[in-house]
């Protein structure tokens, strides 16, 4: 089961209370994310799209012909740009999309097959970990991709668990293409996560819990709060209770009380120093090959390769230009 009740109960019982960002991505949340990407202040989508559009053919020329596996594909709009680069450089073997939302996979199929109607397409409904297990039957050279700074939404234990799964899935010589947001000024970051679409998406997490678990959250009794936590190099999204209230998730037989002003953390958005991030990835034998940034150097896409024989000096030497 993708949405594990025991994990939700545990996260709502801890201090501070948290809700997994996984609950953003029902049909309503996915639609709001697409709307968020169009917000003028939300630079991430446009910057990443710019990087892929300008460098897709270069990426393809480095990896050669591969099978492409995407973690959290969404509607795969940006992925079509990458695939275009592969078509120009010699083509792809196949494309597999992993997402927790079946509707998004259907949109991904429409977008991908409109560009390459003869490409072998596989849609996998699941989390990153379960999706990689299902994709393990793929043979030959592979490029695993994670766009949209999705890994930035993970806490340290979740990120290291994912990297362990990635490491197990990949064979020596396979590639990993990773989009990640860079640390920057608070005013730019906070504007990106405090627009109307971001506010609605955050509140709709509670609507998702009400629908899935027969809850009684009142969206009008919560306030969206998002701020730059400079010490931890991340943005944080919260929902603040506007008054004391009792919450019941009937299907889970679980209740808890909130005080006025108490906040539930719904999301983190990691903002990285790229060299430090590469050093962490290197611990999983993922060697940085090259990276690209947008013209404002706010966002980065890194191409990494699994190599069992890299050394510390190799890591230093391959810090990207």
Protein backbone atom coordinates (compact mmCIF):
# COMPACT_ATOMS: atom_id res chain seq x y z
CA UNK A 1 0.00 0.00 0.00
CA UNK A 2 1.43 3.39 -1.04
CA UNK A 3 -0.24 5.44 1.71
CA UNK A 4 0.72 3.65 4.91
CA UNK A 5 -1.63 4.44 7.78
CA UNK A 6 0.92 3.54 10.45
CA UNK A 7 3.42 6.10 9.14
CA UNK A 8 0.78 8.84 9.00
CA UNK A 9 -0.36 8.14 12.57
CA UNK A 10 3.25 8.17 13.77
CA UNK A 11 4.02 11.47 12.01
CA UNK A 12 0.90 13.15 13.39
CA UNK A 13 1.75 11.91 16.88
CA UNK A 14 5.30 13.28 17.01
CA UNK A 15 6.45 16.75 17.96
CA UNK A 16 6.41 18.72 15.77
CA UNK A 17 3.59 17.00 13.90
CA UNK A 18 4.28 16.28 10.23
CA UNK A 19 2.46 15.03 7.16
CA UNK A 20 4.34 13.39 4.28
CA UNK A 21 4.49 15.49 1.12
CA UNK A 22 3.24 12.35 -0.64
CA UNK A 23 -0.26 13.53 0.30
CA UNK A 24 0.08 16.52 -2.03
CA UNK A 25 -0.23 14.36 -5.11
CA UNK A 26 -3.82 13.27 -5.52
CA UNK A 27 -5.60 14.56 -8.64
CA UNK A 28 -6.35 17.95 -7.08
CA UNK A 29 -2.85 18.37 -5.70
CA UNK A 30 -1.24 17.35 -8.99
CA UNK A 31 -3.39 19.90 -10.85
CA UNK A 32 -2.39 22.59 -8.35
CA UNK A 33 1.28 21.68 -8.79
CA UNK A 34 0.90 22.19 -12.55
CA UNK A 35 -0.68 25.57 -11.77
CA UNK A 36 2.15 26.38 -9.35
CA UNK A 37 4.69 25.81 -12.13
CA UNK A 38 3.06 28.66 -14.06
CA UNK A 39 3.31 31.15 -11.17
CA UNK A 40 5.74 34.01 -12.03
CA UNK A 41 7.53 33.63 -8.68
CA UNK A 42 8.01 29.86 -9.01
CA UNK A 43 11.27 29.85 -10.95
CA UNK A 44 12.11 26.15 -10.48
CA UNK A 45 10.01 24.79 -13.34
CA UNK A 46 11.17 27.38 -15.87
CA UNK A 47 14.84 27.15 -14.88
CA UNK A 48 14.89 23.36 -15.10
CA UNK A 49 13.02 23.43 -18.41
CA UNK A 50 15.57 25.91 -19.77
CA UNK A 51 18.48 23.67 -18.75
CA UNK A 52 16.95 20.56 -20.33
CA UNK A 53 15.97 22.34 -23.54
CA UNK A 54 19.49 23.67 -24.02
CA UNK A 55 21.43 20.57 -22.98
CA UNK A 56 19.32 17.49 -23.80
CA UNK A 57 21.42 16.52 -26.81
CA UNK A 58 24.63 16.93 -24.79
CA UNK A 59 23.25 14.64 -22.08
CA UNK A 60 22.31 12.05 -24.69
CA UNK A 61 25.74 12.23 -26.32
CA UNK A 62 27.39 11.51 -22.95
CA UNK A 63 25.24 8.53 -21.95
CA UNK A 64 24.69 7.00 -25.37
CA UNK A 65 21.56 4.97 -26.09
CA UNK A 66 19.86 3.95 -22.83
CA UNK A 67 16.60 2.89 -21.24
CA UNK A 68 15.20 5.87 -19.35
CA UNK A 69 13.48 5.38 -15.97
CA UNK A 70 11.88 8.44 -14.38
CA UNK A 71 11.18 8.79 -10.66
CA UNK A 72 8.07 10.90 -10.08
CA UNK A 73 7.30 11.55 -13.73
CA UNK A 74 4.23 13.73 -13.25
CA UNK A 75 2.97 14.63 -16.72
CA UNK A 76 6.52 14.22 -18.15
CA UNK A 77 6.30 17.54 -20.01
CA UNK A 78 9.98 18.38 -19.45
CA UNK A 79 10.96 14.79 -20.16
CA UNK A 80 9.73 15.16 -23.73
CA UNK A 81 12.49 17.76 -24.23
CA UNK A 82 15.07 15.26 -22.99
CA UNK A 83 13.67 12.57 -25.26
CA UNK A 84 13.90 14.94 -28.22
CA UNK A 85 17.60 15.25 -27.46
CA UNK A 86 17.96 11.49 -27.48
CA UNK A 87 16.10 11.22 -30.78
CA UNK A 88 18.55 13.69 -32.34
CA UNK A 89 21.52 11.84 -30.82
CA UNK A 90 20.49 8.29 -31.73
CA UNK A 91 17.36 7.37 -29.82
CA UNK A 92 16.23 5.55 -26.68
CA UNK A 93 15.68 1.89 -25.92
CA UNK A 94 12.59 2.44 -23.75
CA UNK A 95 10.97 4.78 -21.22
CA UNK A 96 9.48 3.81 -17.86
CA UNK A 97 7.60 6.34 -15.70
CA UNK A 98 7.13 5.86 -11.94
CA UNK A 99 4.51 7.95 -10.12
CA UNK A 100 2.05 7.52 -7.25
CA UNK A 101 -0.75 9.12 -9.27
CA UNK A 102 -2.25 7.01 -12.06
CA UNK A 103 -3.83 10.05 -13.74
CA UNK A 104 -0.40 11.66 -14.04
CA UNK A 105 0.97 8.50 -15.65
CA UNK A 106 -1.82 8.64 -18.23
CA UNK A 107 -0.86 12.25 -19.03
CA UNK A 108 2.80 11.24 -19.18
CA UNK A 109 1.95 8.54 -21.71
CA UNK A 110 0.07 11.07 -23.86
CA UNK A 111 2.97 13.55 -23.78
CA UNK A 112 5.73 11.01 -24.40
CA UNK A 113 3.93 9.10 -27.16
CA UNK A 114 2.99 12.34 -28.93
CA UNK A 115 6.72 12.91 -29.40
CA UNK A 116 7.83 9.31 -29.98
CA UNK A 117 4.80 7.13 -30.84
CA UNK A 118 6.93 4.03 -31.35
CA UNK A 119 8.82 4.26 -28.06
CA UNK A 120 8.20 1.41 -25.62
CA UNK A 121 6.38 3.08 -22.68
CA UNK A 122 5.84 1.51 -19.25
CA UNK A 123 3.83 3.23 -16.53
CA UNK A 124 4.39 2.07 -12.94
CA UNK A 125 2.09 3.20 -10.11
CA UNK A 126 4.08 3.24 -6.90
CA UNK A 127 6.57 4.97 -4.67
CA UNK A 128 10.15 5.40 -5.79
CA UNK A 129 11.24 2.27 -3.93
CA UNK A 130 8.39 0.01 -5.10
CA UNK A 131 8.64 1.42 -8.60
CA UNK A 132 12.33 0.61 -8.84
CA UNK A 133 11.60 -2.93 -7.70
CA UNK A 134 9.09 -3.32 -10.55
CA UNK A 135 11.54 -1.78 -13.06
CA UNK A 136 14.33 -4.16 -12.04
CA UNK A 137 13.62 -6.42 -15.02
CA UNK A 138 15.00 -3.80 -17.42
CA UNK A 139 18.31 -4.87 -18.91
CA UNK A 140 21.06 -2.94 -20.64
CA UNK A 141 22.37 0.58 -20.10
CA UNK A 142 20.06 2.77 -18.01
CA UNK A 143 19.54 6.44 -17.23
CA UNK A 144 17.58 7.04 -14.04
CA UNK A 145 16.16 10.56 -13.79
CA UNK A 146 14.60 12.62 -11.00
CA UNK A 147 13.46 16.09 -12.05
CA UNK A 148 11.59 18.89 -10.30
CA UNK A 149 13.92 18.86 -7.29
CA UNK A 150 11.83 15.96 -5.95
CA UNK A 151 14.70 14.68 -3.82
CA UNK A 152 14.67 18.07 -2.11
CA UNK A 153 11.36 17.15 -0.47
CA UNK A 154 12.95 14.26 1.41
CA UNK A 155 14.23 14.23 4.96
CA UNK A 156 17.71 12.82 5.45
CA UNK A 157 16.55 9.29 6.27
CA UNK A 158 14.21 9.24 3.25
CA UNK A 159 16.91 10.56 0.94
CA UNK A 160 19.47 8.00 2.09
CA UNK A 161 16.90 5.24 1.76
CA UNK A 162 16.20 6.34 -1.82
CA UNK A 163 19.89 6.53 -2.67
CA UNK A 164 20.32 3.02 -1.30
CA UNK A 165 17.50 1.83 -3.60
CA UNK A 166 19.04 3.71 -6.52
CA UNK A 167 22.43 2.20 -5.79
CA UNK A 168 20.94 -1.31 -5.72
CA UNK A 169 18.95 -0.73 -8.92
CA UNK A 170 21.82 0.62 -11.02
CA UNK A 171 24.59 -1.39 -12.61
CA UNK A 172 28.13 -0.08 -12.88
CA UNK A 173 28.26 2.45 -15.70
CA UNK A 174 24.58 3.42 -15.48
CA UNK A 175 23.69 7.10 -15.15
CA UNK A 176 21.54 9.18 -12.80
CA UNK A 177 20.23 12.60 -13.91
CA UNK A 178 19.16 14.69 -10.95
CA UNK A 179 17.50 18.10 -10.76
CA UNK A 180 18.13 20.06 -7.54
CA UNK A 181 17.46 23.60 -6.37
CA UNK A 182 20.42 25.66 -5.17
CA UNK A 183 20.55 27.67 -1.95
CA UNK A 184 19.92 31.37 -2.50
CA UNK A 185 18.44 34.56 -1.04
CA UNK A 186 15.44 34.18 1.26
CA UNK A 187 13.28 36.67 -0.65
CA UNK A 188 13.51 34.61 -3.87
CA UNK A 189 12.78 31.34 -2.08
CA UNK A 190 9.92 32.62 0.04
CA UNK A 191 8.22 34.27 -2.93
CA UNK A 192 8.28 30.92 -4.77
CA UNK A 193 6.42 29.12 -1.98
CA UNK A 194 3.97 31.78 -0.79
CA UNK A 195 1.97 32.44 -3.95
CA UNK A 196 -1.72 31.56 -4.33
CA UNK A 197 -1.13 28.16 -5.92
CA UNK A 198 1.34 27.13 -3.20
CA UNK A 199 -1.15 28.15 -0.50
CA UNK A 200 -3.98 26.16 -2.09
CA UNK A 201 -1.77 23.11 -2.64
CA UNK A 202 -0.73 23.12 1.01
CA UNK A 203 -4.31 23.37 2.29
CA UNK A 204 -5.42 20.60 -0.07
CA UNK A 205 -3.20 18.16 1.84
CA UNK A 206 -5.86 18.29 4.56
CA UNK A 207 -8.60 17.79 1.98
CA UNK A 208 -6.76 14.68 0.78
CA UNK A 209 -6.64 13.29 4.34
CA UNK A 210 -10.34 14.02 4.79
CA UNK A 211 -11.17 12.11 1.61
CA UNK A 212 -8.81 9.17 2.10
CA UNK A 213 -9.30 8.62 5.84
CA UNK A 214 -12.72 10.23 6.49
CA UNK A 215 -11.19 13.11 8.45
CA UNK A 216 -12.74 16.28 9.82
CA UNK A 217 -10.05 18.88 9.06
CA UNK A 218 -11.62 22.26 8.30
CA UNK A 219 -9.43 24.03 5.76
CA UNK A 220 -10.74 27.41 6.94
CA UNK A 221 -9.24 26.82 10.39
CA UNK A 222 -5.66 26.61 9.11
CA UNK A 223 -3.18 29.16 7.77
CA UNK A 224 -0.41 28.47 5.25
CA UNK A 225 3.10 29.28 6.55
CA UNK A 226 6.27 28.85 4.45
CA UNK A 227 9.70 30.20 5.38
CA UNK A 228 13.41 29.80 4.64
CA UNK A 229 15.17 27.83 7.37
CA UNK A 230 18.68 29.11 6.64
CA UNK A 231 20.33 26.95 9.31
CA UNK A 232 19.03 23.73 7.75
CA UNK A 233 19.36 24.91 4.12
CA UNK A 234 15.72 24.36 3.27
CA UNK A 235 12.31 25.92 2.82
CA UNK A 236 9.60 24.59 5.11
CA UNK A 237 5.85 24.45 4.51
CA UNK A 238 3.49 24.39 7.49
CA UNK A 239 -0.19 24.61 8.32
CA UNK A 240 -0.93 26.63 11.46
CA UNK A 241 -4.07 25.94 13.50
CA UNK A 242 -6.04 29.18 13.83
CA UNK A 243 -7.86 27.87 16.89
CA UNK A 244 -7.80 24.90 19.27
CA UNK A 245 -9.48 21.90 17.69
CA UNK A 246 -9.88 18.13 17.79
CA UNK A 247 -9.09 16.11 14.70
CA UNK A 248 -10.48 12.66 13.97
CA UNK A 249 -9.43 10.37 11.12
CA UNK A 250 -12.29 7.91 11.35
CA UNK A 251 -10.98 5.21 9.02
CA UNK A 252 -7.74 5.07 11.02
CA UNK A 253 -9.48 5.12 14.42
CA UNK A 254 -7.08 7.94 15.30
CA UNK A 255 -7.74 11.30 16.99
CA UNK A 256 -5.55 14.12 18.26
CA UNK A 257 -5.90 17.69 19.52
CA UNK A 258 -4.28 20.85 18.21
CA UNK A 259 -3.62 24.00 20.20
CA UNK A 260 -4.16 27.45 18.71
CA UNK A 261 -0.96 28.42 16.88
CA UNK A 262 0.32 24.83 16.67
CA UNK A 263 1.82 24.01 13.30
CA UNK A 264 1.89 20.83 11.23
CA UNK A 265 4.89 20.63 8.90
CA UNK A 266 3.72 19.44 5.48
CA UNK A 267 6.83 19.77 3.36
CA UNK A 268 10.52 20.56 3.26
CA UNK A 269 12.26 21.83 0.14
CA UNK A 270 16.01 21.23 0.37
CA UNK A 271 18.28 23.98 -1.06
CA UNK A 272 21.81 22.75 -1.61
CA UNK A 273 25.42 23.68 -2.07
CA UNK A 274 26.16 21.65 -5.17
CA UNK A 275 29.70 20.53 -4.28
CA UNK A 276 28.59 19.37 -0.82
CA UNK A 277 25.64 17.55 -2.39
CA UNK A 278 27.94 15.82 -4.89
CA UNK A 279 30.21 14.73 -2.02
CA UNK A 280 27.22 13.11 -0.31
CA UNK A 281 26.18 11.33 -3.52
CA UNK A 282 29.74 10.09 -3.99
CA UNK A 283 29.32 7.98 -0.84
CA UNK A 284 26.88 5.90 -2.90
CA UNK A 285 29.46 5.46 -5.69
CA UNK A 286 27.67 8.11 -7.77
CA UNK A 287 30.41 10.08 -9.50
CA UNK A 288 29.53 13.54 -10.89
CA UNK A 289 30.20 13.60 -14.63
CA UNK A 290 28.88 17.05 -15.51
CA UNK A 291 26.35 19.58 -14.32
CA UNK A 292 24.44 22.41 -15.92
CA UNK A 293 22.78 25.49 -14.42
CA UNK A 294 20.30 28.04 -15.74
CA UNK A 295 21.53 31.46 -16.81
CA UNK A 296 20.86 32.88 -13.32
CA UNK A 297 22.60 29.93 -11.60
CA UNK A 298 19.61 29.32 -9.35
CA UNK A 299 19.02 25.68 -10.28
CA UNK A 300 21.16 22.73 -11.36
CA UNK A 301 20.88 19.42 -13.17
CA UNK A 302 23.65 16.93 -12.40
CA UNK A 303 24.58 13.89 -14.42
CA UNK A 304 26.16 11.19 -12.26
CA UNK A 305 27.48 7.74 -13.08
CA UNK A 306 27.66 4.67 -10.90
CA UNK A 307 31.29 3.66 -10.66
CA UNK A 308 32.69 1.18 -8.17
CA UNK A 309 36.29 2.20 -8.86
CA UNK A 310 36.18 5.94 -8.20
CA UNK A 311 38.55 7.44 -5.67
CA UNK A 312 38.54 10.62 -3.64
CA UNK A 313 40.84 12.27 -6.15
CA UNK A 314 38.52 11.22 -8.98
CA UNK A 315 35.66 12.92 -7.19
CA UNK A 316 37.60 16.15 -6.91
CA UNK A 317 38.72 15.95 -10.51
CA UNK A 318 35.22 15.42 -11.81
CA UNK A 319 33.58 18.35 -10.08
CA UNK A 320 31.70 19.69 -12.98
CA UNK A 321 32.41 22.63 -15.19
